Amino acid sequence: MAGTLTALRLGGLLARRIALLAVLLALVFVVVEALPGDAADATAARGESAADIARRRVLLGLDQPVVVRFLKWMAGLPTGDLGLSARGEQVWGILAGPLPNTLLLGGLALAITVVASIALGSWAAMRPGSAADRVISASSTVVLALPEFVIAVALVLVFALWAGMLPAATLAGPDGAPASWTMLVLPVLALAIPQIGWNARIVRGALGDEARAPHVTAAVLDGLPPLRVLARHLLPGALPAIAAGVATSTGMLLGGAVAVETIFNYPGVGALLAGAVADRDTPLIAGVVALTGVMITCVLLAADLIRSWAAGERR
């Protein structure tokens, strides 16, 4: 019975998030429609006649109401059809190259965020009120307040221009991926540092709340080693809050990747998205939003499963 209720609750959450994604995609169509000009004008070649532009406008379906175009695009979404771009190319084909690079960048930043935030938050929580606790809390607040592009510029200034240790820009290899792993270091750090600050505070707070639980107090009084108390009693209880923070960071990492990729000339969807906005390329913009939305939804669903599992363990 409990498993059925959990499945129904998670199913309801998934349905609401899918509905929210559909609303977001509809907003993409409306916002691009509100911009001056359209895809036919934006992609017109120099000297192209008005008649040629009008014919391409019909070919792209821009003569139809935005609602009709949105519904047609949504109809192909369940089959994986993201439509044609403003330049007549399959959106899937355009995204096939840069999207894996963005996922690599975001995945590495997320992994570093999880490891570093748990380590720092745990270190601070195991020494409440100590100098380490105060330093970690203060530094977390500072880096959390800094946008990714500010951190990116500072990293370039220190590690690329002053120290000459790492490249300031990314060069793509023959396969379209970064030519060297060293070119990933600064973009990954620029993305991860603000999220480490955010999640370290979440971990610190969650562990601090969990430390007041009776079973944790009993474990301390029994003389268990601090690391065992942390691993066996504190972290499992704090896991739902940590999972929620990581899920939130996933969306923030993917959003921040656009600015970071531009600064480091990284071959991801950031530059592609900027060009799509300039071209008024609604299907391409919506395709990027749809794919990132699906990934964020999956991460949020995983966080919901972790919270449900933790609640079951407590019972």
C-alpha atoms as a PDB file:
ATOM      1  CA  MET A   1       0.000   0.000   0.000  1.00  0.00           C
ATOM      2  CA  ALA A   2       2.778   2.415   0.930  1.00  0.00           C
ATOM      3  CA  GLY A   3       4.625   1.582  -2.297  1.00  0.00           C
ATOM      4  CA  THR A   4       1.494   2.293  -4.334  1.00  0.00           C
ATOM      5  CA  LEU A   5       0.996   5.647  -2.640  1.00  0.00           C
ATOM      6  CA  THR A   6       4.635   6.555  -3.258  1.00  0.00           C
ATOM      7  CA  ALA A   7       4.343   5.611  -6.927  1.00  0.00           C
ATOM      8  CA  LEU A   8       1.167   7.672  -7.295  1.00  0.00           C
ATOM      9  CA  ARG A   9       2.791  10.664  -5.615  1.00  0.00           C
ATOM     10  CA  LEU A  10       5.875  10.443  -7.822  1.00  0.00           C
ATOM     11  CA  GLY A  11       3.663  10.002 -10.869  1.00  0.00           C
ATOM     12  CA  GLY A  12       1.782  13.162  -9.935  1.00  0.00           C
ATOM     13  CA  LEU A  13       5.058  15.063  -9.483  1.00  0.00           C
ATOM     14  CA  LEU A  14       6.290  13.842 -12.863  1.00  0.00           C
ATOM     15  CA  ALA A  15       3.027  14.869 -14.548  1.00  0.00           C
ATOM     16  CA  ARG A  16       3.231  18.355 -13.037  1.00  0.00           C
ATOM     17  CA  ARG A  17       6.824  18.771 -14.156  1.00  0.00           C
ATOM     18  CA  ILE A  18       6.007  17.640 -17.681  1.00  0.00           C
ATOM     19  CA  ALA A  19       3.145  20.153 -17.736  1.00  0.00           C
ATOM     20  CA  LEU A  20       5.521  22.865 -16.487  1.00  0.00           C
ATOM     21  CA  LEU A  21       7.987  21.971 -19.256  1.00  0.00           C
ATOM     22  CA  ALA A  22       5.183  22.236 -21.836  1.00  0.00           C
ATOM     23  CA  VAL A  23       4.290  25.702 -20.521  1.00  0.00           C
ATOM     24  CA  LEU A  24       7.953  26.728 -20.691  1.00  0.00           C
ATOM     25  CA  LEU A  25       8.187  25.548 -24.306  1.00  0.00           C
ATOM     26  CA  ALA A  26       5.048  27.495 -25.166  1.00  0.00           C
ATOM     27  CA  LEU A  27       6.651  30.596 -23.648  1.00  0.00           C
ATOM     28  CA  VAL A  28       9.697  30.052 -25.877  1.00  0.00           C
ATOM     29  CA  PHE A  29       7.479  30.211 -28.973  1.00  0.00           C
ATOM     30  CA  VAL A  30       5.632  33.290 -27.675  1.00  0.00           C
ATOM     31  CA  VAL A  31       8.785  35.181 -26.680  1.00  0.00           C
ATOM     32  CA  VAL A  32      10.579  34.514 -29.971  1.00  0.00           C
ATOM     33  CA  GLU A  33       7.406  35.526 -31.816  1.00  0.00           C
ATOM     34  CA  ALA A  34       7.453  38.838 -29.932  1.00  0.00           C
ATOM     35  CA  LEU A  35      10.990  39.664 -31.095  1.00  0.00           C
ATOM     36  CA  PRO A  36      11.277  42.027 -34.079  1.00  0.00           C
ATOM     37  CA  GLY A  37      11.589  40.242 -37.408  1.00  0.00           C
ATOM     38  CA  ASP A  38      11.369  36.495 -37.965  1.00  0.00           C
ATOM     39  CA  ALA A  39      13.587  33.588 -38.990  1.00  0.00           C
ATOM     40  CA  ALA A  40      13.101  34.264 -42.710  1.00  0.00           C
ATOM     41  CA  ASP A  41      14.335  37.842 -42.330  1.00  0.00           C
ATOM     42  CA  ALA A  42      17.136  36.967 -39.894  1.00  0.00           C
ATOM     43  CA  THR A  43      18.610  34.264 -42.136  1.00  0.00           C
ATOM     44  CA  ALA A  44      18.166  36.108 -45.420  1.00  0.00           C
ATOM     45  CA  ALA A  45      21.269  36.314 -47.581  1.00  0.00           C
ATOM     46  CA  ARG A  46      22.563  39.680 -48.753  1.00  0.00           C
ATOM     47  CA  GLY A  47      20.695  40.791 -51.860  1.00  0.00           C
ATOM     48  CA  GLU A  48      17.925  38.228 -51.440  1.00  0.00           C
ATOM     49  CA  SER A  49      14.643  39.452 -52.868  1.00  0.00           C
ATOM     50  CA  ALA A  50      11.450  39.993 -50.887  1.00  0.00           C
ATOM     51  CA  ALA A  51       9.787  37.242 -52.926  1.00  0.00           C
ATOM     52  CA  ASP A  52      12.486  34.739 -51.939  1.00  0.00           C
ATOM     53  CA  ILE A  53      12.106  35.696 -48.277  1.00  0.00           C
ATOM     54  CA  ALA A  54       8.328  35.322 -48.544  1.00  0.00           C
ATOM     55  CA  ARG A  55       8.683  31.851 -50.083  1.00  0.00           C
ATOM     56  CA  ARG A  56      11.037  30.766 -47.287  1.00  0.00           C
ATOM     57  CA  ARG A  57       8.620  32.195 -44.733  1.00  0.00           C
ATOM     58  CA  VAL A  58       5.935  29.859 -46.114  1.00  0.00           C
ATOM     59  CA  LEU A  59       8.392  26.952 -46.227  1.00  0.00           C
ATOM     60  CA  LEU A  60       9.232  27.450 -42.552  1.00  0.00           C
ATOM     61  CA  GLY A  61       5.552  27.703 -41.651  1.00  0.00           C
ATOM     62  CA  LEU A  62       5.943  31.263 -40.404  1.00  0.00           C
ATOM     63  CA  ASP A  63       2.756  32.254 -42.236  1.00  0.00           C
ATOM     64  CA  GLN A  64       0.818  30.147 -39.717  1.00  0.00           C
ATOM     65  CA  PRO A  65      -0.258  31.361 -36.252  1.00  0.00           C
ATOM     66  CA  VAL A  66       2.233  30.724 -33.472  1.00  0.00           C
ATOM     67  CA  VAL A  67      -0.245  28.410 -31.721  1.00  0.00           C
ATOM     68  CA  VAL A  68      -0.454  26.170 -34.766  1.00  0.00           C
ATOM     69  CA  ARG A  69       3.328  26.039 -35.101  1.00  0.00           C
ATOM     70  CA  PHE A  70       3.724  25.223 -31.428  1.00  0.00           C
ATOM     71  CA  LEU A  71       1.178  22.396 -31.534  1.00  0.00           C
ATOM     72  CA  LYS A  72       2.783  20.909 -34.658  1.00  0.00           C
ATOM     73  CA  TRP A  73       6.214  21.043 -33.020  1.00  0.00           C
ATOM     74  CA  MET A  74       4.882  19.477 -29.818  1.00  0.00           C
ATOM     75  CA  ALA A  75       3.216  16.695 -31.806  1.00  0.00           C
ATOM     76  CA  GLY A  76       6.626  15.508 -33.010  1.00  0.00           C
ATOM     77  CA  LEU A  77       8.287  15.793 -29.608  1.00  0.00           C
ATOM     78  CA  PRO A  78       7.195  12.368 -28.230  1.00  0.00           C
ATOM     79  CA  THR A  79       8.859  10.669 -31.222  1.00  0.00           C
ATOM     80  CA  GLY A  80      12.069  12.672 -30.771  1.00  0.00           C
ATOM     81  CA  ASP A  81      11.412  14.927 -33.763  1.00  0.00           C
ATOM     82  CA  LEU A  82      12.657  18.408 -32.846  1.00  0.00           C
ATOM     83  CA  GLY A  83      11.763  19.844 -36.227  1.00  0.00           C
ATOM     84  CA  LEU A  84      13.779  21.837 -38.742  1.00  0.00           C
ATOM     85  CA  SER A  85      15.898  24.844 -37.928  1.00  0.00           C
ATOM     86  CA  ALA A  86      15.529  28.218 -39.618  1.00  0.00           C
ATOM     87  CA  ARG A  87      18.241  27.149 -42.059  1.00  0.00           C
ATOM     88  CA  GLY A  88      16.449  23.928 -42.988  1.00  0.00           C
ATOM     89  CA  GLU A  89      18.574  21.495 -40.972  1.00  0.00           C
ATOM     90  CA  GLN A  90      17.337  18.852 -38.554  1.00  0.00           C
ATOM     91  CA  VAL A  91      17.597  20.241 -35.022  1.00  0.00           C
ATOM     92  CA  TRP A  92      18.788  16.849 -33.742  1.00  0.00           C
ATOM     93  CA  GLY A  93      21.666  16.930 -36.210  1.00  0.00           C
ATOM     94  CA  ILE A  94      22.669  20.432 -35.131  1.00  0.00           C
ATOM     95  CA  LEU A  95      22.648  19.481 -31.438  1.00  0.00           C
ATOM     96  CA  ALA A  96      24.448  16.160 -31.881  1.00  0.00           C
ATOM     97  CA  GLY A  97      27.897  17.781 -31.805  1.00  0.00           C
ATOM     98  CA  PRO A  98      27.790  20.500 -29.122  1.00  0.00           C
ATOM     99  CA  LEU A  99      25.300  18.893 -26.711  1.00  0.00           C
ATOM    100  CA  PRO A 100      27.656  16.091 -25.538  1.00  0.00           C
ATOM    101  CA  ASN A 101      30.323  18.735 -24.870  1.00  0.00           C
ATOM    102  CA  THR A 102      27.916  20.700 -22.684  1.00  0.00           C
ATOM    103  CA  LEU A 103      26.858  17.525 -20.875  1.00  0.00           C
ATOM    104  CA  LEU A 104      30.531  16.705 -20.253  1.00  0.00           C
ATOM    105  CA  LEU A 105      31.154  20.190 -18.878  1.00  0.00           C
ATOM    106  CA  GLY A 106      28.052  20.136 -16.689  1.00  0.00           C
ATOM    107  CA  GLY A 107      28.605  16.539 -15.559  1.00  0.00           C
ATOM    108  CA  LEU A 108      32.161  17.201 -14.412  1.00  0.00           C
ATOM    109  CA  ALA A 109      31.073  20.385 -12.632  1.00  0.00           C
ATOM    110  CA  LEU A 110      28.231  18.502 -10.916  1.00  0.00           C
ATOM    111  CA  ALA A 111      30.537  15.679  -9.791  1.00  0.00           C
ATOM    112  CA  ILE A 112      33.040  18.147  -8.333  1.00  0.00           C
ATOM    113  CA  THR A 113      30.197  20.060  -6.696  1.00  0.00           C
ATOM    114  CA  VAL A 114      28.833  16.950  -4.966  1.00  0.00           C
ATOM    115  CA  VAL A 115      32.205  15.735  -3.683  1.00  0.00           C
ATOM    116  CA  ALA A 116      33.505  19.146  -2.580  1.00  0.00           C
ATOM    117  CA  SER A 117      30.269  20.330  -0.962  1.00  0.00           C
ATOM    118  CA  ILE A 118      29.814  17.120   1.042  1.00  0.00           C
ATOM    119  CA  ALA A 119      33.450  17.244   2.160  1.00  0.00           C
ATOM    120  CA  LEU A 120      33.363  20.931   3.141  1.00  0.00           C
ATOM    121  CA  GLY A 121      29.907  20.786   4.692  1.00  0.00           C
ATOM    122  CA  SER A 122      30.797  17.690   6.697  1.00  0.00           C
ATOM    123  CA  TRP A 123      34.073  19.209   7.855  1.00  0.00           C
ATOM    124  CA  ALA A 124      32.265  22.317   9.083  1.00  0.00           C
ATOM    125  CA  ALA A 125      29.426  20.346  10.692  1.00  0.00           C
ATOM    126  CA  MET A 126      31.800  18.094  12.640  1.00  0.00           C
ATOM    127  CA  ARG A 127      33.485  21.201  14.135  1.00  0.00           C
ATOM    128  CA  PRO A 128      30.583  23.562  14.927  1.00  0.00           C
ATOM    129  CA  GLY A 129      31.691  27.029  15.908  1.00  0.00           C
ATOM    130  CA  SER A 130      35.332  26.365  15.042  1.00  0.00           C
ATOM    131  CA  ALA A 131      37.517  28.511  12.812  1.00  0.00           C
ATOM    132  CA  ALA A 132      37.045  25.995  10.002  1.00  0.00           C
ATOM    133  CA  ASP A 133      33.265  26.239  10.355  1.00  0.00           C
ATOM    134  CA  ARG A 134      33.358  30.047  10.217  1.00  0.00           C
ATOM    135  CA  VAL A 135      35.755  30.151   7.255  1.00  0.00           C
ATOM    136  CA  ILE A 136      33.758  27.620   5.235  1.00  0.00           C
ATOM    137  CA  SER A 137      30.465  29.393   5.977  1.00  0.00           C
ATOM    138  CA  ALA A 138      31.864  32.821   5.079  1.00  0.00           C
ATOM    139  CA  SER A 139      33.620  31.686   1.907  1.00  0.00           C
ATOM    140  CA  SER A 140      30.516  29.743   0.819  1.00  0.00           C
ATOM    141  CA  THR A 141      28.449  32.912   1.110  1.00  0.00           C
ATOM    142  CA  VAL A 142      30.975  34.915  -0.908  1.00  0.00           C
ATOM    143  CA  VAL A 143      31.287  32.492  -3.840  1.00  0.00           C
ATOM    144  CA  LEU A 144      27.535  31.908  -3.871  1.00  0.00           C
ATOM    145  CA  ALA A 145      26.990  35.646  -4.416  1.00  0.00           C
ATOM    146  CA  LEU A 146      29.338  35.761  -7.429  1.00  0.00           C
ATOM    147  CA  PRO A 147      27.926  35.044 -10.914  1.00  0.00           C
ATOM    148  CA  GLU A 148      29.656  32.383 -13.004  1.00  0.00           C
ATOM    149  CA  PHE A 149      30.994  34.923 -15.515  1.00  0.00           C
ATOM    150  CA  VAL A 150      32.731  36.908 -12.762  1.00  0.00           C
ATOM    151  CA  ILE A 151      34.407  33.763 -11.450  1.00  0.00           C
ATOM    152  CA  ALA A 152      35.307  32.762 -15.013  1.00  0.00           C
ATOM    153  CA  VAL A 153      37.026  36.105 -15.667  1.00  0.00           C
ATOM    154  CA  ALA A 154      38.901  35.890 -12.346  1.00  0.00           C
ATOM    155  CA  LEU A 155      40.079  32.346 -13.123  1.00  0.00           C
ATOM    156  CA  VAL A 156      41.311  33.411 -16.558  1.00  0.00           C
ATOM    157  CA  LEU A 157      43.133  36.371 -15.041  1.00  0.00           C
ATOM    158  CA  VAL A 158      44.877  34.310 -12.342  1.00  0.00           C
ATOM    159  CA  PHE A 159      45.556  30.932 -13.943  1.00  0.00           C
ATOM    160  CA  ALA A 160      45.834  31.826 -17.631  1.00  0.00           C
ATOM    161  CA  LEU A 161      47.192  35.377 -17.856  1.00  0.00           C
ATOM    162  CA  TRP A 162      49.223  35.736 -14.652  1.00  0.00           C
ATOM    163  CA  ALA A 163      50.360  32.175 -13.896  1.00  0.00           C
ATOM    164  CA  GLY A 164      50.208  30.810 -17.460  1.00  0.00           C
ATOM    165  CA  MET A 165      49.214  27.410 -16.072  1.00  0.00           C
ATOM    166  CA  LEU A 166      46.031  26.758 -18.050  1.00  0.00           C
ATOM    167  CA  PRO A 167      44.635  27.833 -21.442  1.00  0.00           C
ATOM    168  CA  ALA A 168      42.222  30.753 -21.465  1.00  0.00           C
ATOM    169  CA  ALA A 169      40.248  29.507 -24.475  1.00  0.00           C
ATOM    170  CA  THR A 170      39.060  26.149 -25.740  1.00  0.00           C
ATOM    171  CA  LEU A 171      40.139  24.724 -29.070  1.00  0.00           C
ATOM    172  CA  ALA A 172      38.054  21.978 -30.622  1.00  0.00           C
ATOM    173  CA  GLY A 173      39.703  18.801 -31.869  1.00  0.00           C
ATOM    174  CA  PRO A 174      38.813  16.923 -35.065  1.00  0.00           C
ATOM    175  CA  ASP A 175      35.852  15.271 -33.302  1.00  0.00           C
ATOM    176  CA  GLY A 176      34.468  18.608 -32.117  1.00  0.00           C
ATOM    177  CA  ALA A 177      35.374  17.962 -28.469  1.00  0.00           C
ATOM    178  CA  PRO A 178      37.951  20.038 -26.537  1.00  0.00           C
ATOM    179  CA  ALA A 179      41.408  19.275 -27.888  1.00  0.00           C
ATOM    180  CA  SER A 180      42.939  18.812 -24.405  1.00  0.00           C
ATOM    181  CA  TRP A 181      41.649  18.009 -20.922  1.00  0.00           C
ATOM    182  CA  THR A 182      43.410  21.116 -19.624  1.00  0.00           C
ATOM    183  CA  MET A 183      40.907  23.219 -21.555  1.00  0.00           C
ATOM    184  CA  LEU A 184      38.140  21.812 -19.354  1.00  0.00           C
ATOM    185  CA  VAL A 185      39.654  22.830 -16.031  1.00  0.00           C
ATOM    186  CA  LEU A 186      38.775  26.535 -15.928  1.00  0.00           C
ATOM    187  CA  PRO A 187      35.245  26.216 -17.397  1.00  0.00           C
ATOM    188  CA  VAL A 188      34.423  23.383 -14.987  1.00  0.00           C
ATOM    189  CA  LEU A 189      35.719  25.358 -11.996  1.00  0.00           C
ATOM    190  CA  ALA A 190      33.832  28.486 -13.092  1.00  0.00           C
ATOM    191  CA  LEU A 191      30.619  26.474 -13.084  1.00  0.00           C
ATOM    192  CA  ALA A 192      31.303  24.429  -9.965  1.00  0.00           C
ATOM    193  CA  ILE A 193      32.566  27.062  -7.508  1.00  0.00           C
ATOM    194  CA  PRO A 194      29.237  28.920  -6.963  1.00  0.00           C
ATOM    195  CA  GLN A 195      27.384  25.608  -6.645  1.00  0.00           C
ATOM    196  CA  ILE A 196      29.932  24.305  -4.159  1.00  0.00           C
ATOM    197  CA  GLY A 197      29.195  27.359  -2.012  1.00  0.00           C
ATOM    198  CA  TRP A 198      25.436  26.772  -2.277  1.00  0.00           C
ATOM    199  CA  ASN A 199      25.561  23.047  -1.558  1.00  0.00           C
ATOM    200  CA  ALA A 200      28.185  23.272   1.203  1.00  0.00           C
ATOM    201  CA  ARG A 201      25.777  25.474   3.131  1.00  0.00           C
ATOM    202  CA  ILE A 202      22.951  22.999   2.527  1.00  0.00           C
ATOM    203  CA  VAL A 203      25.105  20.085   3.711  1.00  0.00           C
ATOM    204  CA  ARG A 204      26.252  22.026   6.772  1.00  0.00           C
ATOM    205  CA  GLY A 205      22.699  22.966   7.721  1.00  0.00           C
ATOM    206  CA  ALA A 206      21.266  19.496   7.088  1.00  0.00           C
ATOM    207  CA  LEU A 207      23.992  17.792   9.130  1.00  0.00           C
ATOM    208  CA  GLY A 208      23.558  20.349  11.913  1.00  0.00           C
ATOM    209  CA  ASP A 209      19.825  19.602  12.082  1.00  0.00           C
ATOM    210  CA  GLU A 210      20.435  15.855  11.973  1.00  0.00           C
ATOM    211  CA  ALA A 211      23.023  16.081  14.783  1.00  0.00           C
ATOM    212  CA  ARG A 212      20.218  16.967  17.190  1.00  0.00           C
ATOM    213  CA  ALA A 213      18.354  13.715  16.493  1.00  0.00           C
ATOM    214  CA  PRO A 214      18.168  11.262  19.434  1.00  0.00           C
ATOM    215  CA  HIS A 215      19.814   8.371  17.554  1.00  0.00           C
ATOM    216  CA  VAL A 216      22.812  10.588  16.710  1.00  0.00           C
ATOM    217  CA  THR A 217      23.140  11.696  20.322  1.00  0.00           C
ATOM    218  CA  ALA A 218      23.016   8.055  21.401  1.00  0.00           C
ATOM    219  CA  ALA A 219      25.725   7.124  18.897  1.00  0.00           C
ATOM    220  CA  VAL A 220      27.997   9.906  20.217  1.00  0.00           C
ATOM    221  CA  LEU A 221      27.392   8.856  23.815  1.00  0.00           C
ATOM    222  CA  ASP A 222      28.240   5.272  22.877  1.00  0.00           C
ATOM    223  CA  GLY A 223      31.685   6.520  21.898  1.00  0.00           C
ATOM    224  CA  LEU A 224      31.487   5.774  18.173  1.00  0.00           C
ATOM    225  CA  PRO A 225      34.267   7.399  16.103  1.00  0.00           C
ATOM    226  CA  PRO A 226      33.242  10.736  14.526  1.00  0.00           C
ATOM    227  CA  LEU A 227      33.636   9.457  10.956  1.00  0.00           C
ATOM    228  CA  ARG A 228      31.396   6.484  11.710  1.00  0.00           C
ATOM    229  CA  VAL A 229      28.786   8.771  13.258  1.00  0.00           C
ATOM    230  CA  LEU A 230      28.972  10.906  10.141  1.00  0.00           C
ATOM    231  CA  ALA A 231      28.734   8.024   7.672  1.00  0.00           C
ATOM    232  CA  ARG A 232      26.197   5.843   9.496  1.00  0.00           C
ATOM    233  CA  HIS A 233      23.962   8.336  11.288  1.00  0.00           C
ATOM    234  CA  LEU A 234      24.334  11.900   9.978  1.00  0.00           C
ATOM    235  CA  LEU A 235      24.647  11.628   6.196  1.00  0.00           C
ATOM    236  CA  PRO A 236      21.760   9.153   5.651  1.00  0.00           C
ATOM    237  CA  GLY A 237      19.359  11.453   7.488  1.00  0.00           C
ATOM    238  CA  ALA A 238      20.633  14.541   5.656  1.00  0.00           C
ATOM    239  CA  LEU A 239      20.485  12.825   2.253  1.00  0.00           C
ATOM    240  CA  PRO A 240      17.049  14.191   1.203  1.00  0.00           C
ATOM    241  CA  ALA A 241      18.157  17.808   1.710  1.00  0.00           C
ATOM    242  CA  ILE A 242      21.472  17.145  -0.040  1.00  0.00           C
ATOM    243  CA  ALA A 243      19.693  15.495  -2.982  1.00  0.00           C
ATOM    244  CA  ALA A 244      17.317  18.448  -3.313  1.00  0.00           C
ATOM    245  CA  GLY A 245      20.261  20.867  -3.364  1.00  0.00           C
ATOM    246  CA  VAL A 246      22.097  18.846  -6.004  1.00  0.00           C
ATOM    247  CA  ALA A 247      18.939  18.649  -8.138  1.00  0.00           C
ATOM    248  CA  THR A 248      18.576  22.431  -7.966  1.00  0.00           C
ATOM    249  CA  SER A 249      22.237  22.858  -8.895  1.00  0.00           C
ATOM    250  CA  THR A 250      21.745  20.750 -12.030  1.00  0.00           C
ATOM    251  CA  GLY A 251      19.465  23.379 -13.537  1.00  0.00           C
ATOM    252  CA  MET A 252      21.733  26.207 -12.411  1.00  0.00           C
ATOM    253  CA  LEU A 253      24.778  24.487 -13.924  1.00  0.00           C
ATOM    254  CA  LEU A 254      23.075  24.028 -17.285  1.00  0.00           C
ATOM    255  CA  GLY A 255      21.899  27.647 -17.230  1.00  0.00           C
ATOM    256  CA  GLY A 256      25.312  28.981 -16.216  1.00  0.00           C
ATOM    257  CA  ALA A 257      26.991  26.924 -18.925  1.00  0.00           C
ATOM    258  CA  VAL A 258      25.726  29.348 -21.577  1.00  0.00           C
ATOM    259  CA  ALA A 259      27.735  32.266 -20.162  1.00  0.00           C
ATOM    260  CA  VAL A 260      30.784  30.166 -19.281  1.00  0.00           C
ATOM    261  CA  GLU A 261      30.948  28.556 -22.710  1.00  0.00           C
ATOM    262  CA  THR A 262      30.887  31.981 -24.332  1.00  0.00           C
ATOM    263  CA  ILE A 263      33.754  33.283 -22.187  1.00  0.00           C
ATOM    264  CA  PHE A 264      35.975  30.246 -22.821  1.00  0.00           C
ATOM    265  CA  ASN A 265      34.944  29.767 -26.468  1.00  0.00           C
ATOM    266  CA  TYR A 266      33.804  26.292 -25.431  1.00  0.00           C
ATOM    267  CA  PRO A 267      32.187  24.218 -28.234  1.00  0.00           C
ATOM    268  CA  GLY A 268      28.860  23.627 -26.466  1.00  0.00           C
ATOM    269  CA  VAL A 269      25.259  24.686 -26.883  1.00  0.00           C
ATOM    270  CA  GLY A 270      25.941  28.163 -25.453  1.00  0.00           C
ATOM    271  CA  ALA A 271      27.213  29.671 -28.699  1.00  0.00           C
ATOM    272  CA  LEU A 272      24.624  27.666 -30.619  1.00  0.00           C
ATOM    273  CA  LEU A 273      21.829  29.097 -28.496  1.00  0.00           C
ATOM    274  CA  ALA A 274      23.112  32.650 -28.954  1.00  0.00           C
ATOM    275  CA  GLY A 275      23.114  32.161 -32.729  1.00  0.00           C
ATOM    276  CA  ALA A 276      19.631  30.637 -32.607  1.00  0.00           C
ATOM    277  CA  VAL A 277      18.272  33.709 -30.812  1.00  0.00           C
ATOM    278  CA  ALA A 278      19.893  35.965 -33.414  1.00  0.00           C
ATOM    279  CA  ASP A 279      18.282  33.867 -36.175  1.00  0.00           C
ATOM    280  CA  ARG A 280      14.876  33.836 -34.396  1.00  0.00           C
ATOM    281  CA  ASP A 281      15.220  30.055 -34.722  1.00  0.00           C
ATOM    282  CA  THR A 282      12.328  28.907 -32.526  1.00  0.00           C
ATOM    283  CA  PRO A 283      12.642  25.126 -33.152  1.00  0.00           C
ATOM    284  CA  LEU A 284      16.352  25.163 -32.264  1.00  0.00           C
ATOM    285  CA  ILE A 285      15.814  27.222 -29.102  1.00  0.00           C
ATOM    286  CA  ALA A 286      12.877  25.021 -28.089  1.00  0.00           C
ATOM    287  CA  GLY A 287      14.935  21.895 -28.797  1.00  0.00           C
ATOM    288  CA  VAL A 288      17.670  23.042 -26.414  1.00  0.00           C
ATOM    289  CA  VAL A 289      15.084  23.928 -23.761  1.00  0.00           C
ATOM    290  CA  ALA A 290      13.287  20.595 -24.205  1.00  0.00           C
ATOM    291  CA  LEU A 291      16.436  18.481 -23.858  1.00  0.00           C
ATOM    292  CA  THR A 292      17.746  20.375 -20.858  1.00  0.00           C
ATOM    293  CA  GLY A 293      14.268  20.309 -19.327  1.00  0.00           C
ATOM    294  CA  VAL A 294      14.071  16.537 -19.687  1.00  0.00           C
ATOM    295  CA  MET A 295      17.478  16.135 -18.029  1.00  0.00           C
ATOM    296  CA  ILE A 296      16.545  18.422 -15.146  1.00  0.00           C
ATOM    297  CA  THR A 297      13.235  16.583 -14.736  1.00  0.00           C
ATOM    298  CA  CYS A 298      15.070  13.250 -14.509  1.00  0.00           C
ATOM    299  CA  VAL A 299      17.416  14.618 -11.847  1.00  0.00           C
ATOM    300  CA  LEU A 300      14.494  16.057  -9.871  1.00  0.00           C
ATOM    301  CA  LEU A 301      12.709  12.703 -10.098  1.00  0.00           C
ATOM    302  CA  ALA A 302      15.837  10.970  -8.779  1.00  0.00           C
ATOM    303  CA  ALA A 303      15.881  13.437  -5.869  1.00  0.00           C
ATOM    304  CA  ASP A 304      12.216  12.631  -5.176  1.00  0.00           C
ATOM    305  CA  LEU A 305      13.033   8.906  -5.149  1.00  0.00           C
ATOM    306  CA  ILE A 306      15.868   9.499  -2.685  1.00  0.00           C
ATOM    307  CA  ARG A 307      13.571  11.488  -0.410  1.00  0.00           C
ATOM    308  CA  SER A 308      10.931   8.748  -0.572  1.00  0.00           C
ATOM    309  CA  TRP A 309      13.525   6.086   0.187  1.00  0.00           C
ATOM    310  CA  ALA A 310      14.879   8.095   3.123  1.00  0.00           C
ATOM    311  CA  ALA A 311      11.375   8.604   4.494  1.00  0.00           C
ATOM    312  CA  GLY A 312      10.756   4.863   4.240  1.00  0.00           C
ATOM    313  CA  GLU A 313      14.007   4.120   6.056  1.00  0.00           C
ATOM    314  CA  ARG A 314      13.013   6.438   8.893  1.00  0.00           C
ATOM    315  CA  ARG A 315       9.746   4.557   9.303  1.00  0.00           C
END
